[in-house]
Amino acid sequence: MLLLSSVILLGSGVNIAALWTEVSFFHVSLVLLYHLLTVHGLWYAPLYGWLLMVSAWAPRAPFYMAFLPPFVICGVEKVAFNTSHFLALLQERLVGREMPWRRTSAPKISWQH
């Protein structure tokens, strides 16, 4: 990360000496470990909790009992309210947020001549 920051700063013409003298390797390692544990470890905790609860609760077919209720909730929400907030919540939890700079607009192709 420090090397990437250095390359970016070099490209912008800023002096990188302050960056290298003020950064402690131990501190950066602790921050990275904290990030890995909290963000990447705890982000999927609700999903793991749901799957564990359903697998302990369902006597047979835990796969269906785990995945059918979210799909039913999405369908009922779409029919009753014409929204897809629950689906957006599931997408954000499973895939992550869509970053504005990653949005790509695919060209629309018309098959009619």
C-alpha atoms as a PDB file:
ATOM      1  CA  MET A   1       0.000   0.000   0.000  1.00  0.00           C
ATOM      2  CA  LEU A   2       2.860   2.303   0.801  1.00  0.00           C
ATOM      3  CA  LEU A   3       4.450   1.596  -2.566  1.00  0.00           C
ATOM      4  CA  LEU A   4       1.201   2.319  -4.383  1.00  0.00           C
ATOM      5  CA  SER A   5       0.817   5.588  -2.486  1.00  0.00           C
ATOM      6  CA  SER A   6       4.400   6.480  -3.393  1.00  0.00           C
ATOM      7  CA  VAL A   7       3.795   5.860  -7.087  1.00  0.00           C
ATOM      8  CA  ILE A   8       0.652   7.978  -7.020  1.00  0.00           C
ATOM      9  CA  LEU A   9       2.442  10.799  -5.209  1.00  0.00           C
ATOM     10  CA  LEU A  10       5.383  10.628  -7.610  1.00  0.00           C
ATOM     11  CA  GLY A  11       2.997  10.969 -10.518  1.00  0.00           C
ATOM     12  CA  SER A  12       1.483  14.090  -8.988  1.00  0.00           C
ATOM     13  CA  GLY A  13       4.849  15.698  -8.270  1.00  0.00           C
ATOM     14  CA  VAL A  14       4.603  15.670  -4.459  1.00  0.00           C
ATOM     15  CA  ASN A  15       7.617  14.940  -2.263  1.00  0.00           C
ATOM     16  CA  ILE A  16       7.300  11.392  -0.914  1.00  0.00           C
ATOM     17  CA  ALA A  17       9.979  11.738   1.783  1.00  0.00           C
ATOM     18  CA  ALA A  18       7.386  12.761   4.388  1.00  0.00           C
ATOM     19  CA  LEU A  19       5.309   9.694   3.584  1.00  0.00           C
ATOM     20  CA  TRP A  20       8.183   7.272   4.132  1.00  0.00           C
ATOM     21  CA  THR A  21       9.518   8.909   7.291  1.00  0.00           C
ATOM     22  CA  GLU A  22       6.190   9.243   9.120  1.00  0.00           C
ATOM     23  CA  VAL A  23       4.778   5.752   8.478  1.00  0.00           C
ATOM     24  CA  SER A  24       5.433   2.930  10.910  1.00  0.00           C
ATOM     25  CA  PHE A  25       5.389  -0.576   9.448  1.00  0.00           C
ATOM     26  CA  PHE A  26       3.974  -1.931  12.722  1.00  0.00           C
ATOM     27  CA  HIS A  27       1.128   0.601  12.700  1.00  0.00           C
ATOM     28  CA  VAL A  28       0.241  -0.106   9.073  1.00  0.00           C
ATOM     29  CA  SER A  29       0.267  -3.857   9.793  1.00  0.00           C
ATOM     30  CA  LEU A  30      -2.101  -3.406  12.741  1.00  0.00           C
ATOM     31  CA  VAL A  31      -4.475  -1.275  10.691  1.00  0.00           C
ATOM     32  CA  LEU A  32      -4.473  -3.877   7.914  1.00  0.00           C
ATOM     33  CA  LEU A  33      -5.158  -6.690  10.387  1.00  0.00           C
ATOM     34  CA  TYR A  34      -7.999  -4.695  11.949  1.00  0.00           C
ATOM     35  CA  HIS A  35      -9.478  -4.083   8.495  1.00  0.00           C
ATOM     36  CA  LEU A  36      -9.267  -7.750   7.541  1.00  0.00           C
ATOM     37  CA  LEU A  37     -10.933  -8.904  10.752  1.00  0.00           C
ATOM     38  CA  THR A  38     -13.696  -6.337  10.941  1.00  0.00           C
ATOM     39  CA  VAL A  39     -14.627  -5.712   7.332  1.00  0.00           C
ATOM     40  CA  HIS A  40     -13.926  -9.026   5.673  1.00  0.00           C
ATOM     41  CA  GLY A  41     -14.647 -11.185   8.709  1.00  0.00           C
ATOM     42  CA  LEU A  42     -17.775  -9.565  10.114  1.00  0.00           C
ATOM     43  CA  TRP A  43     -19.426  -8.458   6.873  1.00  0.00           C
ATOM     44  CA  TYR A  44     -20.712 -11.955   6.146  1.00  0.00           C
ATOM     45  CA  ALA A  45     -21.636 -12.755   9.782  1.00  0.00           C
ATOM     46  CA  PRO A  46     -25.406 -12.263   9.221  1.00  0.00           C
ATOM     47  CA  LEU A  47     -25.302 -14.621   6.247  1.00  0.00           C
ATOM     48  CA  TYR A  48     -23.378 -17.262   8.205  1.00  0.00           C
ATOM     49  CA  GLY A  49     -25.759 -16.834  11.139  1.00  0.00           C
ATOM     50  CA  TRP A  50     -28.798 -17.311   8.899  1.00  0.00           C
ATOM     51  CA  LEU A  51     -27.356 -20.421   7.286  1.00  0.00           C
ATOM     52  CA  LEU A  52     -26.388 -21.919  10.667  1.00  0.00           C
ATOM     53  CA  MET A  53     -29.795 -21.182  12.149  1.00  0.00           C
ATOM     54  CA  VAL A  54     -31.667 -22.716   9.220  1.00  0.00           C
ATOM     55  CA  SER A  55     -29.424 -25.783   9.072  1.00  0.00           C
ATOM     56  CA  ALA A  56     -30.049 -26.424  12.771  1.00  0.00           C
ATOM     57  CA  TRP A  57     -33.776 -25.718  12.523  1.00  0.00           C
ATOM     58  CA  ALA A  58     -34.754 -27.537   9.325  1.00  0.00           C
ATOM     59  CA  PRO A  59     -35.011 -31.303   9.750  1.00  0.00           C
ATOM     60  CA  ARG A  60     -34.955 -31.956   6.008  1.00  0.00           C
ATOM     61  CA  ALA A  61     -34.015 -29.896   2.973  1.00  0.00           C
ATOM     62  CA  PRO A  62     -32.096 -27.098   4.727  1.00  0.00           C
ATOM     63  CA  PHE A  63     -31.002 -25.757   1.341  1.00  0.00           C
ATOM     64  CA  TYR A  64     -34.596 -24.971   0.384  1.00  0.00           C
ATOM     65  CA  MET A  65     -35.377 -23.564   3.801  1.00  0.00           C
ATOM     66  CA  ALA A  66     -32.324 -21.296   3.589  1.00  0.00           C
ATOM     67  CA  PHE A  67     -32.912 -19.875   0.127  1.00  0.00           C
ATOM     68  CA  LEU A  68     -36.676 -20.021  -0.376  1.00  0.00           C
ATOM     69  CA  PRO A  69     -37.756 -17.396   2.227  1.00  0.00           C
ATOM     70  CA  PRO A  70     -35.570 -14.588   0.807  1.00  0.00           C
ATOM     71  CA  PHE A  71     -36.937 -15.249  -2.678  1.00  0.00           C
ATOM     72  CA  VAL A  72     -40.505 -15.310  -1.363  1.00  0.00           C
ATOM     73  CA  ILE A  73     -39.907 -12.025   0.493  1.00  0.00           C
ATOM     74  CA  CYS A  74     -38.537 -10.464  -2.721  1.00  0.00           C
ATOM     75  CA  GLY A  75     -41.547 -11.681  -4.698  1.00  0.00           C
ATOM     76  CA  VAL A  76     -44.106 -10.494  -2.154  1.00  0.00           C
ATOM     77  CA  GLU A  77     -42.389  -7.116  -1.894  1.00  0.00           C
ATOM     78  CA  LYS A  78     -42.399  -6.714  -5.674  1.00  0.00           C
ATOM     79  CA  VAL A  79     -46.066  -7.646  -5.988  1.00  0.00           C
ATOM     80  CA  ALA A  80     -47.313  -5.744  -2.929  1.00  0.00           C
ATOM     81  CA  PHE A  81     -45.198  -2.590  -3.060  1.00  0.00           C
ATOM     82  CA  ASN A  82     -43.592  -2.664  -6.530  1.00  0.00           C
ATOM     83  CA  THR A  83     -40.168  -2.108  -4.942  1.00  0.00           C
ATOM     84  CA  SER A  84     -37.010  -4.173  -4.650  1.00  0.00           C
ATOM     85  CA  HIS A  85     -35.400  -2.881  -1.464  1.00  0.00           C
ATOM     86  CA  PHE A  86     -34.932  -6.353   0.040  1.00  0.00           C
ATOM     87  CA  LEU A  87     -33.242  -7.579  -3.129  1.00  0.00           C
ATOM     88  CA  ALA A  88     -30.950  -4.532  -3.066  1.00  0.00           C
ATOM     89  CA  LEU A  89     -30.105  -5.330   0.568  1.00  0.00           C
ATOM     90  CA  LEU A  90     -29.239  -8.921  -0.339  1.00  0.00           C
ATOM     91  CA  GLN A  91     -27.174  -7.798  -3.311  1.00  0.00           C
ATOM     92  CA  GLU A  92     -25.235  -5.323  -1.197  1.00  0.00           C
ATOM     93  CA  ARG A  93     -24.596  -7.954   1.479  1.00  0.00           C
ATOM     94  CA  LEU A  94     -23.497 -10.679  -0.938  1.00  0.00           C
ATOM     95  CA  VAL A  95     -21.744  -8.740  -3.693  1.00  0.00           C
ATOM     96  CA  GLY A  96     -20.938  -5.417  -2.081  1.00  0.00           C
ATOM     97  CA  ARG A  97     -21.859  -1.885  -2.886  1.00  0.00           C
ATOM     98  CA  GLU A  98     -21.737  -0.672  -6.435  1.00  0.00           C
ATOM     99  CA  MET A  99     -19.043   1.949  -6.664  1.00  0.00           C
ATOM    100  CA  PRO A 100     -19.924   4.969  -8.816  1.00  0.00           C
ATOM    101  CA  TRP A 101     -16.653   4.768 -10.727  1.00  0.00           C
ATOM    102  CA  ARG A 102     -17.305   1.109 -11.626  1.00  0.00           C
ATOM    103  CA  ARG A 103     -20.607   1.742 -13.323  1.00  0.00           C
ATOM    104  CA  THR A 104     -20.532   0.783 -16.932  1.00  0.00           C
ATOM    105  CA  SER A 105     -23.338   1.475 -19.255  1.00  0.00           C
ATOM    106  CA  ALA A 106     -23.680  -1.252 -21.797  1.00  0.00           C
ATOM    107  CA  PRO A 107     -24.660  -0.104 -25.248  1.00  0.00           C
ATOM    108  CA  LYS A 108     -28.219  -0.943 -26.146  1.00  0.00           C
ATOM    109  CA  ILE A 109     -28.364  -3.262 -29.091  1.00  0.00           C
ATOM    110  CA  SER A 110     -31.420  -3.257 -31.248  1.00  0.00           C
ATOM    111  CA  TRP A 111     -32.063  -6.433 -33.172  1.00  0.00           C
ATOM    112  CA  GLN A 112     -34.700  -4.824 -35.373  1.00  0.00           C
ATOM    113  CA  HIS A 113     -33.584  -3.461 -38.714  1.00  0.00           C
END
